Amino acid sequence: MSQPASSPGFVRGLNLFDATMVVIGTMIGSGIFLVSADMARLINSPGWLLAAWGLTAVLTIAAALSYGELACMMPEAGGVYIFLREAYSPLWGFLYGWTLFAVIQTGTIAAVAVGFSRFLSVLMPWVAENNYIVAPIHISEGYAVSLSTAQLVGVAVILLLTWSNSRGLQYGKIVQNVFTTAKVGAIAALILAGLFLGRNAEAAANFTDFFRVGTFDASLGVVAGSMFGLMVAVCVAQSGSLFSADAWHDVTFIAGEVRDPRRNVPKALVIGCTAVVLLYLLVNLIYLLVLPLAGIQTAPSDRVATAVVERIFPGYGSALMAVAIMVSTFGCVNSLVMAGARAYYAMAKDRLFFASAGTLNSASVPGHSLWMQGAWAAALVLPRTFNPATGTYGNLYGNLLDYVISAALIFYILTIAAVFRLRATRPDADRPYRVPGYPVVPALYILGAALVLVILFAYRPATTWPGLLIVLVGAALYAALPKQPAGPKPSGGSRTK
């Protein structure tokens, strides 16, 4: 089998282990340590909380298996942007790339970087979101801009990792492998500690009538004890668990730098996603073994993992989990920074992004693209939301990420539907890897994700419909771009830039 051509200047410096570390590194941030509290409040059942994570596992693995076929057809820098462009049109590729740059990738980088600083505050209390260097400057009734010590640390993390990645693939790979290995080790230690030291009689009550169906979160407005209400609660809860398991596809962005990508990218997707969702299921089982359901629902600041470790090691839990989550979030930011810039590089090569983003620096990485992403992600750290009724501040990127969860699901559904479309439109394309269980596996994801999407639009309209507006802004930008003459359609799966 011939080696697929990479984009000019890229170095194929990532082996299967490195690519798998990218998958795991981008997936595991801080969400797994936090979101189970809100999910438990929504569902109010220990068994169905675990089942909700099981649904996330099924959807994630089905998606990874499906993306593998597209990745081996088009093993080049750009990933999902390339898949949508080739399956549908440049418009759909641009809409994804625009949303990725505007919110999905950069907003996640901002959120995880500030998450790092929040847990640093456990060890260094002067790092806090209310310890201001520049006090909030209100720009409207509901919005302000500020610079706290926590925000400053978040910005510093983003800029540091942008700089290290701009020095070459080797630098990003080393940081990635070290921190991802450490975070997996920390999660494994949490699981073992909970299994052998944390089990107690109070939490054992979770396993009495494990799949009970009682009341649900009042904001859902569904009937207590009903199976329909349970379906709604589990689907709405997916916004937390799917976000915690998101970014698994980022390895496709850097396929142009993976050795033997037709073999290694699909393998990395399947191995990495399977490993992470199994860890997530085990972590949630540990939560249920150590804390009663009410303890999960009321964990201070939703820090469920911290409450678990504090129960096992009284007086040391907060510090131990702070270090573990700092390791996890630092490695996650590195993965997100490294991968995202390759998507904008591919867009720029198609003249759909700033031209300089489509160039490589002397270290054979897209330096301008990295710094554009880093600058915008750092900028997203600064705006704050303000609630006049309570006088409290939030973070704008948090709202934006809530808004685009639904939009991201739409793009994922379209991408997996591209497996069907490309089998019809390019039946003779080289497919060394094909989705196992086709057509059931990709159809399973499409149907499951579509159900979650419909429920989110019906029961969480305030945080879903705005996501479509962000995409529509992208459509307006695309319409305003100068149109390039159409080139010949590539006959195979991969296109060399």
Protein backbone atom coordinates (compact mmCIF):
# COMPACT_ATOMS: atom_id res chain seq x y z
CA MET A 1 0.00 0.00 0.00
CA SER A 2 1.41 3.38 -0.95
CA GLN A 3 1.89 6.03 1.70
CA PRO A 4 -0.69 8.85 1.35
CA ALA A 5 0.87 12.18 0.58
CA SER A 6 0.94 14.73 3.35
CA SER A 7 0.53 18.45 2.88
CA PRO A 8 3.83 20.02 1.79
CA GLY A 9 6.18 20.54 4.69
CA PHE A 10 4.29 18.54 7.30
CA VAL A 11 6.33 15.95 9.16
CA ARG A 12 4.71 12.58 9.85
CA GLY A 13 6.05 12.38 13.38
CA LEU A 14 3.16 10.72 15.24
CA ASN A 15 2.96 6.94 15.62
CA LEU A 16 -0.05 4.93 16.79
CA PHE A 17 0.71 5.54 20.48
CA ASP A 18 1.09 9.29 19.92
CA ALA A 19 -2.16 9.48 17.95
CA THR A 20 -3.99 7.50 20.63
CA MET A 21 -2.65 9.89 23.27
CA VAL A 22 -4.12 12.78 21.26
CA VAL A 23 -7.54 11.10 21.30
CA ILE A 24 -7.38 10.41 25.05
CA GLY A 25 -5.81 13.77 25.84
CA THR A 26 -8.47 15.81 24.07
CA MET A 27 -11.32 13.79 25.58
CA ILE A 28 -10.29 13.92 29.24
CA GLY A 29 -10.34 17.41 30.70
CA SER A 30 -12.22 18.35 33.86
CA GLY A 31 -15.77 17.36 32.87
CA ILE A 32 -15.65 13.79 34.14
CA PHE A 33 -14.83 15.11 37.61
CA LEU A 34 -17.78 17.54 37.64
CA VAL A 35 -20.74 16.88 35.34
CA SER A 36 -22.10 13.82 37.14
CA ALA A 37 -23.52 16.11 39.83
CA ASP A 38 -25.81 17.91 37.37
CA MET A 39 -26.64 14.66 35.58
CA ALA A 40 -27.61 13.07 38.91
CA ARG A 41 -29.89 16.01 39.68
CA LEU A 42 -31.57 15.70 36.28
CA ILE A 43 -32.09 11.93 36.37
CA ASN A 44 -32.33 11.31 40.15
CA SER A 45 -31.56 7.59 39.85
CA PRO A 46 -28.21 5.85 40.39
CA GLY A 47 -28.80 3.13 37.81
CA TRP A 48 -30.06 5.49 35.14
CA LEU A 49 -27.18 7.88 35.81
CA LEU A 50 -24.83 5.04 34.92
CA ALA A 51 -27.05 4.16 31.94
CA ALA A 52 -26.78 7.75 30.69
CA TRP A 53 -23.00 7.40 30.66
CA GLY A 54 -23.49 4.05 28.91
CA LEU A 55 -25.47 5.80 26.18
CA THR A 56 -22.61 8.29 25.79
CA ALA A 57 -20.20 5.36 25.48
CA VAL A 58 -22.27 3.68 22.77
CA LEU A 59 -22.69 6.89 20.76
CA THR A 60 -19.00 7.80 21.08
CA ILE A 61 -17.72 4.39 19.97
CA ALA A 62 -20.22 4.22 17.09
CA ALA A 63 -19.04 7.66 15.97
CA ALA A 64 -15.37 6.74 16.27
CA LEU A 65 -15.89 3.57 14.20
CA SER A 66 -17.65 5.65 11.54
CA TYR A 67 -15.12 8.48 11.46
CA GLY A 68 -12.38 5.90 10.96
CA GLU A 69 -13.63 5.13 7.45
CA LEU A 70 -13.61 8.81 6.49
CA ALA A 71 -10.18 9.33 8.05
CA CYS A 72 -8.59 6.49 6.08
CA MET A 73 -10.15 7.82 2.86
CA MET A 74 -8.89 11.37 3.47
CA PRO A 75 -5.79 11.15 5.71
CA GLU A 76 -4.75 14.79 5.56
CA ALA A 77 -4.70 17.90 7.72
CA GLY A 78 -8.18 19.25 8.37
CA GLY A 79 -10.22 16.23 9.44
CA VAL A 80 -13.93 16.95 9.78
CA TYR A 81 -13.63 20.11 7.67
CA ILE A 82 -12.29 17.97 4.79
CA PHE A 83 -14.93 15.27 5.29
CA LEU A 84 -17.82 17.75 5.09
CA ARG A 85 -16.28 19.60 2.16
CA GLU A 86 -15.82 16.45 0.13
CA ALA A 87 -19.14 14.82 1.04
CA TYR A 88 -21.37 17.87 0.59
CA SER A 89 -19.83 21.18 -0.46
CA PRO A 90 -17.28 23.80 0.65
CA LEU A 91 -20.15 25.63 2.40
CA TRP A 92 -20.65 22.81 4.91
CA GLY A 93 -16.94 22.51 5.51
CA PHE A 94 -16.74 26.25 6.12
CA LEU A 95 -19.72 26.30 8.49
CA TYR A 96 -18.05 23.64 10.61
CA GLY A 97 -14.66 25.35 10.49
CA TRP A 98 -16.20 28.73 11.36
CA THR A 99 -18.07 27.30 14.35
CA LEU A 100 -14.95 25.40 15.40
CA PHE A 101 -12.83 28.55 15.41
CA ALA A 102 -15.48 30.90 16.79
CA VAL A 103 -16.61 28.74 19.71
CA ILE A 104 -16.18 24.96 19.73
CA GLN A 105 -12.39 24.62 19.82
CA THR A 106 -11.43 28.04 21.15
CA GLY A 107 -14.23 28.13 23.72
CA THR A 108 -13.25 24.69 24.96
CA ILE A 109 -9.61 25.77 25.19
CA ALA A 110 -10.68 28.81 27.22
CA ALA A 111 -12.94 26.75 29.50
CA VAL A 112 -10.36 24.06 30.20
CA ALA A 113 -7.57 26.61 30.76
CA VAL A 114 -9.68 28.48 33.33
CA GLY A 115 -10.58 25.09 34.81
CA PHE A 116 -6.85 24.60 35.37
CA SER A 117 -6.65 27.91 37.23
CA ARG A 118 -9.73 27.13 39.35
CA PHE A 119 -8.10 24.00 40.70
CA LEU A 120 -4.78 25.79 41.08
CA SER A 121 -6.67 28.07 43.48
CA VAL A 122 -7.03 25.12 45.87
CA LEU A 123 -3.25 25.18 46.28
CA MET A 124 -2.77 28.92 45.74
CA PRO A 125 -5.82 30.79 47.07
CA TRP A 126 -4.71 34.10 45.56
CA VAL A 127 -5.56 32.61 42.14
CA ALA A 128 -9.28 33.34 42.14
CA GLU A 129 -11.92 34.63 39.75
CA ASN A 130 -12.85 37.41 42.18
CA ASN A 131 -9.25 38.52 42.85
CA TYR A 132 -9.15 41.22 40.21
CA ILE A 133 -6.19 42.81 38.49
CA VAL A 134 -8.71 44.75 36.37
CA ALA A 135 -12.14 44.94 38.01
CA PRO A 136 -15.18 44.18 35.81
CA ILE A 137 -15.84 46.92 33.26
CA HIS A 138 -19.51 46.73 32.29
CA ILE A 139 -20.21 47.03 28.59
CA SER A 140 -23.96 46.38 28.93
CA GLU A 141 -26.45 45.37 31.62
CA GLY A 142 -25.60 41.69 31.31
CA TYR A 143 -21.96 41.71 30.16
CA ALA A 144 -18.60 42.90 31.41
CA VAL A 145 -14.88 42.44 30.80
CA SER A 146 -12.42 41.73 33.59
CA LEU A 147 -8.99 40.31 34.35
CA SER A 148 -8.73 38.30 37.55
CA THR A 149 -5.75 36.28 38.68
CA ALA A 150 -7.61 33.12 37.60
CA GLN A 151 -8.23 34.58 34.16
CA LEU A 152 -4.58 35.63 33.93
CA VAL A 153 -3.42 32.07 34.69
CA GLY A 154 -5.86 30.73 32.07
CA VAL A 155 -4.52 33.12 29.44
CA ALA A 156 -0.93 32.24 30.41
CA VAL A 157 -1.63 28.50 29.97
CA ILE A 158 -3.12 29.11 26.51
CA LEU A 159 -0.22 31.28 25.37
CA LEU A 160 2.43 28.96 26.83
CA LEU A 161 1.04 25.89 25.07
CA THR A 162 0.48 27.82 21.84
CA TRP A 163 4.15 28.87 21.94
CA SER A 164 5.42 25.35 22.70
CA ASN A 165 3.35 23.87 19.87
CA SER A 166 4.58 26.54 17.47
CA ARG A 167 8.14 25.29 18.04
CA GLY A 168 7.38 21.98 16.36
CA LEU A 169 5.36 18.78 16.50
CA GLN A 170 7.92 17.12 18.76
CA TYR A 171 7.32 19.65 21.55
CA GLY A 172 3.55 19.21 21.46
CA LYS A 173 3.92 15.44 21.31
CA ILE A 174 6.17 15.27 24.38
CA VAL A 175 3.83 17.43 26.47
CA GLN A 176 0.89 15.38 25.20
CA ASN A 177 2.31 11.97 26.01
CA VAL A 178 3.62 12.92 29.46
CA PHE A 179 0.46 14.63 30.68
CA THR A 180 -1.97 12.15 29.12
CA THR A 181 -0.13 9.21 30.69
CA ALA A 182 -0.18 11.03 34.05
CA LYS A 183 -3.91 11.82 33.86
CA VAL A 184 -4.82 8.22 32.97
CA GLY A 185 -2.71 7.09 35.92
CA ALA A 186 -4.51 9.54 38.21
CA ILE A 187 -7.93 8.28 37.08
CA ALA A 188 -6.81 4.68 37.53
CA ALA A 189 -5.66 5.56 41.08
CA LEU A 190 -9.07 7.14 41.81
CA ILE A 191 -10.81 3.98 40.59
CA LEU A 192 -8.62 1.65 42.66
CA ALA A 193 -8.88 3.83 45.78
CA GLY A 194 -12.66 3.93 45.50
CA LEU A 195 -12.94 0.21 44.86
CA PHE A 196 -10.71 -0.96 47.69
CA LEU A 197 -10.90 1.86 50.26
CA GLY A 198 -14.03 3.89 49.60
CA ARG A 199 -16.98 1.52 49.65
CA ASN A 200 -19.30 2.09 52.60
CA ALA A 201 -22.73 1.17 53.89
CA GLU A 202 -24.26 4.60 53.24
CA ALA A 203 -23.42 4.47 49.53
CA ALA A 204 -24.54 0.83 49.31
CA ALA A 205 -28.11 2.16 49.40
CA ASN A 206 -27.55 3.29 45.80
CA PHE A 207 -27.71 -0.34 44.75
CA THR A 208 -31.05 -1.00 46.40
CA ASP A 209 -33.65 -0.50 43.68
CA PHE A 210 -30.78 0.57 41.41
CA PHE A 211 -32.95 1.55 38.43
CA ARG A 212 -35.67 3.32 40.34
CA VAL A 213 -37.59 6.00 38.47
CA GLY A 214 -38.76 8.83 40.70
CA THR A 215 -38.88 12.59 40.32
CA PHE A 216 -36.77 14.44 37.80
CA ASP A 217 -35.26 17.92 37.82
CA ALA A 218 -38.16 20.37 38.08
CA SER A 219 -36.84 22.48 35.19
CA LEU A 220 -37.67 19.65 32.77
CA GLY A 221 -41.37 19.87 33.50
CA VAL A 222 -41.99 16.14 33.04
CA VAL A 223 -44.17 13.78 35.05
CA ALA A 224 -42.45 12.01 37.95
CA GLY A 225 -42.00 8.29 37.53
CA SER A 226 -42.83 8.27 33.80
CA MET A 227 -40.70 6.52 31.20
CA PHE A 228 -41.08 9.52 28.90
CA GLY A 229 -39.76 11.77 31.65
CA LEU A 230 -36.84 9.39 32.10
CA MET A 231 -36.05 9.54 28.38
CA VAL A 232 -36.11 13.34 28.47
CA ALA A 233 -33.88 13.47 31.56
CA VAL A 234 -31.32 11.04 30.10
CA CYS A 235 -31.22 12.89 26.76
CA VAL A 236 -30.84 16.32 28.38
CA ALA A 237 -28.12 14.89 30.62
CA GLN A 238 -26.19 13.95 27.47
CA SER A 239 -25.24 17.60 27.05
CA GLY A 240 -22.93 17.06 30.04
CA SER A 241 -21.61 13.59 29.35
CA LEU A 242 -21.19 14.08 25.58
CA PHE A 243 -19.31 17.32 26.21
CA SER A 244 -17.04 15.50 28.68
CA ALA A 245 -16.31 12.86 26.02
CA ASP A 246 -16.08 15.35 23.15
CA ALA A 247 -13.09 16.25 20.93
CA TRP A 248 -12.27 12.56 20.31
CA HIS A 249 -12.25 13.37 16.57
CA ASP A 250 -9.48 15.97 16.91
CA VAL A 251 -6.92 13.37 15.84
CA THR A 252 -8.40 13.58 12.33
CA PHE A 253 -7.28 17.23 12.17
CA ILE A 254 -3.64 16.14 12.43
CA ALA A 255 -3.86 13.08 10.16
CA GLY A 256 -1.34 14.78 7.87
CA GLU A 257 1.29 14.27 10.60
CA VAL A 258 0.47 10.66 11.52
CA ARG A 259 2.59 7.83 10.16
CA ASP A 260 0.62 5.34 8.05
CA PRO A 261 -2.58 7.32 8.74
CA ARG A 262 -4.87 4.92 6.88
CA ARG A 263 -4.09 2.33 9.54
CA ASN A 264 -3.18 4.38 12.60
CA VAL A 265 -5.87 7.08 12.66
CA PRO A 266 -8.84 4.63 12.68
CA LYS A 267 -7.03 2.50 15.27
CA ALA A 268 -6.28 5.52 17.45
CA LEU A 269 -9.93 6.59 17.30
CA VAL A 270 -11.24 3.19 18.35
CA ILE A 271 -8.59 2.43 20.99
CA GLY A 272 -8.64 5.92 22.50
CA CYS A 273 -12.44 6.30 22.60
CA THR A 274 -12.96 2.80 24.00
CA ALA A 275 -10.38 3.37 26.73
CA VAL A 276 -11.86 6.73 27.76
CA VAL A 277 -15.51 5.67 27.87
CA LEU A 278 -14.57 2.59 29.92
CA LEU A 279 -12.68 4.82 32.35
CA TYR A 280 -15.67 7.16 32.53
CA LEU A 281 -18.06 4.30 33.29
CA LEU A 282 -15.74 2.98 36.01
CA VAL A 283 -15.29 6.45 37.54
CA ASN A 284 -19.06 6.89 37.78
CA LEU A 285 -19.40 3.45 39.31
CA ILE A 286 -16.86 4.55 41.94
CA TYR A 287 -18.88 7.70 42.61
CA LEU A 288 -21.87 5.46 43.37
CA LEU A 289 -19.80 3.10 45.52
CA VAL A 290 -18.42 5.91 47.69
CA LEU A 291 -21.16 8.57 47.84
CA PRO A 292 -24.92 8.28 48.28
CA LEU A 293 -26.84 9.73 45.33
CA ALA A 294 -27.67 12.83 47.38
CA GLY A 295 -23.95 13.31 48.03
CA ILE A 296 -23.27 13.29 44.28
CA GLN A 297 -26.12 15.73 43.63
CA THR A 298 -24.95 18.18 46.31
CA ALA A 299 -21.17 17.90 45.93
CA PRO A 300 -19.69 21.37 46.66
CA SER A 301 -19.26 23.29 43.37
CA ASP A 302 -20.23 20.00 41.63
CA ARG A 303 -16.75 18.60 42.39
CA VAL A 304 -17.87 15.00 42.73
CA ALA A 305 -14.40 13.45 42.37
CA THR A 306 -13.06 15.76 45.07
CA ALA A 307 -15.90 14.71 47.40
CA VAL A 308 -15.06 11.06 46.73
CA VAL A 309 -11.35 11.48 47.47
CA GLU A 310 -12.13 13.57 50.55
CA ARG A 311 -14.34 10.73 51.80
CA ILE A 312 -11.48 8.26 51.30
CA PHE A 313 -8.63 10.52 52.51
CA PRO A 314 -10.19 13.11 54.85
CA GLY A 315 -8.31 16.40 54.83
CA TYR A 316 -6.34 15.58 51.68
CA GLY A 317 -9.04 15.10 49.04
CA SER A 318 -9.16 18.65 47.76
CA ALA A 319 -5.41 18.97 47.28
CA LEU A 320 -5.01 15.52 45.70
CA MET A 321 -7.80 16.04 43.19
CA ALA A 322 -6.65 19.59 42.45
CA VAL A 323 -3.26 18.26 41.35
CA ALA A 324 -4.86 15.46 39.33
CA ILE A 325 -7.27 17.80 37.55
CA MET A 326 -4.53 20.36 36.87
CA VAL A 327 -2.52 17.61 35.15
CA SER A 328 -5.61 16.55 33.21
CA THR A 329 -6.61 20.04 32.08
CA PHE A 330 -3.07 21.11 31.15
CA GLY A 331 -2.69 18.08 28.90
CA CYS A 332 -6.17 18.61 27.45
CA VAL A 333 -5.41 22.22 26.50
CA ASN A 334 -2.22 21.08 24.79
CA SER A 335 -4.13 18.52 22.69
CA LEU A 336 -6.81 21.01 21.72
CA VAL A 337 -4.26 23.66 20.77
CA MET A 338 -2.21 21.24 18.70
CA ALA A 339 -5.13 19.72 16.78
CA GLY A 340 -7.40 22.70 16.14
CA ALA A 341 -4.85 24.77 14.25
CA ARG A 342 -4.64 22.13 11.50
CA ALA A 343 -8.33 22.61 10.63
CA TYR A 344 -7.86 26.35 10.03
CA TYR A 345 -4.74 25.54 8.01
CA ALA A 346 -6.85 23.38 5.68
CA MET A 347 -9.48 26.12 5.40
CA ALA A 348 -6.83 28.68 4.52
CA LYS A 349 -5.47 26.41 1.78
CA ASP A 350 -8.98 26.55 0.29
CA ARG A 351 -9.01 30.36 0.68
CA LEU A 352 -11.74 30.17 3.32
CA PHE A 353 -9.64 31.53 6.20
CA PHE A 354 -6.85 34.07 6.63
CA ALA A 355 -4.19 33.26 4.03
CA SER A 356 -1.29 33.26 6.50
CA ALA A 357 -2.98 30.44 8.46
CA GLY A 358 -2.29 28.20 5.46
CA THR A 359 1.48 28.46 5.77
CA LEU A 360 3.93 26.41 7.80
CA ASN A 361 6.73 27.94 9.84
CA SER A 362 10.34 26.79 9.98
CA ALA A 363 9.33 24.06 12.46
CA SER A 364 6.91 22.58 9.86
CA VAL A 365 3.78 23.47 11.85
CA PRO A 366 1.06 26.06 11.06
CA GLY A 367 2.45 28.77 13.34
CA HIS A 368 0.15 31.59 12.23
CA SER A 369 -2.88 29.35 12.61
CA LEU A 370 -1.75 28.37 16.10
CA TRP A 371 -1.34 31.99 17.19
CA MET A 372 -4.68 33.08 15.68
CA GLN A 373 -6.40 30.29 17.60
CA GLY A 374 -4.45 31.10 20.77
CA ALA A 375 -5.23 34.82 20.58
CA TRP A 376 -8.98 34.24 20.16
CA ALA A 377 -9.11 31.56 22.86
CA ALA A 378 -7.29 33.92 25.26
CA ALA A 379 -9.69 36.73 24.32
CA LEU A 380 -12.67 34.50 25.17
CA VAL A 381 -11.35 34.18 28.73
CA LEU A 382 -11.92 37.89 29.41
CA PRO A 383 -15.66 38.60 28.77
CA ARG A 384 -18.00 37.93 31.71
CA THR A 385 -21.73 37.52 31.98
CA PHE A 386 -23.46 39.43 34.79
CA ASN A 387 -26.69 38.64 36.61
CA PRO A 388 -28.05 41.94 38.01
CA ALA A 389 -30.50 40.10 40.29
CA THR A 390 -27.78 38.26 42.18
CA GLY A 391 -24.78 40.46 41.41
CA THR A 392 -22.79 37.42 40.28
CA TYR A 393 -20.48 36.99 37.30
CA GLY A 394 -20.21 34.08 34.91
CA ASN A 395 -18.03 33.39 31.90
CA LEU A 396 -19.18 34.16 28.37
CA TYR A 397 -17.40 31.14 26.90
CA GLY A 398 -19.51 28.90 29.15
CA ASN A 399 -22.70 30.29 27.60
CA LEU A 400 -21.25 29.97 24.10
CA LEU A 401 -20.32 26.34 24.67
CA ASP A 402 -23.83 25.62 25.94
CA TYR A 403 -25.17 27.19 22.75
CA VAL A 404 -23.06 25.16 20.33
CA ILE A 405 -23.53 21.69 21.82
CA SER A 406 -26.59 21.27 19.60
CA ALA A 407 -24.78 22.71 16.58
CA ALA A 408 -21.86 20.35 17.16
CA LEU A 409 -24.26 17.39 17.23
CA ILE A 410 -25.69 18.49 13.89
CA PHE A 411 -22.20 18.53 12.36
CA TYR A 412 -21.42 15.10 13.84
CA ILE A 413 -24.63 13.66 12.39
CA LEU A 414 -23.82 15.17 8.98
CA THR A 415 -20.28 13.80 9.12
CA ILE A 416 -21.42 10.27 9.89
CA ALA A 417 -24.12 10.54 7.24
CA ALA A 418 -21.21 11.30 4.90
CA VAL A 419 -20.20 7.63 5.22
CA PHE A 420 -23.45 6.69 3.45
CA ARG A 421 -23.18 9.53 0.95
CA LEU A 422 -19.59 8.80 -0.06
CA ARG A 423 -20.29 5.08 -0.41
CA ALA A 424 -22.91 6.09 -2.99
CA THR A 425 -21.02 8.90 -4.74
CA ARG A 426 -17.51 7.41 -4.59
CA PRO A 427 -18.02 3.65 -4.49
CA ASP A 428 -14.57 2.96 -5.94
CA ALA A 429 -12.59 5.16 -3.52
CA ASP A 430 -9.81 3.40 -1.65
CA ARG A 431 -11.20 2.28 1.74
CA PRO A 432 -8.60 0.16 3.54
CA TYR A 433 -10.83 0.42 6.63
CA ARG A 434 -14.62 0.15 6.49
CA VAL A 435 -17.05 0.70 9.34
CA PRO A 436 -17.66 -2.66 11.04
CA GLY A 437 -21.36 -3.41 11.25
CA TYR A 438 -22.24 -1.04 8.40
CA PRO A 439 -24.94 0.24 7.97
CA VAL A 440 -26.17 -0.46 11.52
CA VAL A 441 -23.31 1.22 13.42
CA PRO A 442 -23.41 4.63 11.69
CA ALA A 443 -27.21 4.54 11.61
CA LEU A 444 -27.24 3.84 15.37
CA TYR A 445 -25.28 7.02 16.02
CA ILE A 446 -27.41 9.12 13.68
CA LEU A 447 -30.67 7.95 15.27
CA GLY A 448 -29.37 8.26 18.85
CA ALA A 449 -27.82 11.69 18.35
CA ALA A 450 -30.92 12.91 16.47
CA LEU A 451 -33.13 11.89 19.42
CA VAL A 452 -30.85 13.74 21.86
CA LEU A 453 -30.90 16.76 19.55
CA VAL A 454 -34.71 16.86 19.30
CA ILE A 455 -35.06 16.61 23.09
CA LEU A 456 -32.50 19.40 23.63
CA PHE A 457 -34.32 21.72 21.23
CA ALA A 458 -37.64 20.95 22.90
CA TYR A 459 -36.55 21.08 26.57
CA ARG A 460 -33.49 23.35 26.52
CA PRO A 461 -34.42 25.93 23.84
CA ALA A 462 -32.60 28.80 25.56
CA THR A 463 -29.25 27.04 25.13
CA THR A 464 -29.82 25.32 21.79
CA TRP A 465 -31.45 27.72 19.33
CA PRO A 466 -28.70 30.36 19.77
CA GLY A 467 -26.24 27.76 18.46
CA LEU A 468 -28.01 27.80 15.12
CA LEU A 469 -27.63 31.59 15.03
CA ILE A 470 -23.86 31.20 15.37
CA VAL A 471 -23.91 28.80 12.40
CA LEU A 472 -26.10 31.21 10.41
CA VAL A 473 -23.55 33.99 10.99
CA GLY A 474 -21.06 31.63 9.37
CA ALA A 475 -23.38 31.20 6.38
CA ALA A 476 -23.54 34.99 5.97
CA LEU A 477 -19.74 35.20 6.11
CA TYR A 478 -19.42 32.46 3.50
CA ALA A 479 -21.83 34.30 1.19
CA ALA A 480 -19.67 37.42 1.50
CA LEU A 481 -16.43 35.61 0.61
CA PRO A 482 -15.09 35.97 -2.95
CA LYS A 483 -15.87 32.76 -4.77
CA GLN A 484 -13.03 30.74 -6.26
CA PRO A 485 -13.36 28.91 -9.57
CA ALA A 486 -14.29 25.29 -9.01
CA GLY A 487 -11.42 22.88 -9.47
CA PRO A 488 -11.62 19.26 -10.60
CA LYS A 489 -13.18 16.88 -8.10
CA PRO A 490 -10.58 14.54 -6.65
CA SER A 491 -11.10 11.01 -7.89
CA GLY A 492 -9.75 9.33 -4.77
CA GLY A 493 -10.26 9.90 -1.10
CA SER A 494 -7.25 12.10 -0.37
CA ARG A 495 -6.25 15.40 -1.82
CA THR A 496 -2.72 16.75 -1.68
CA LYS A 497 -2.46 20.44 -1.02
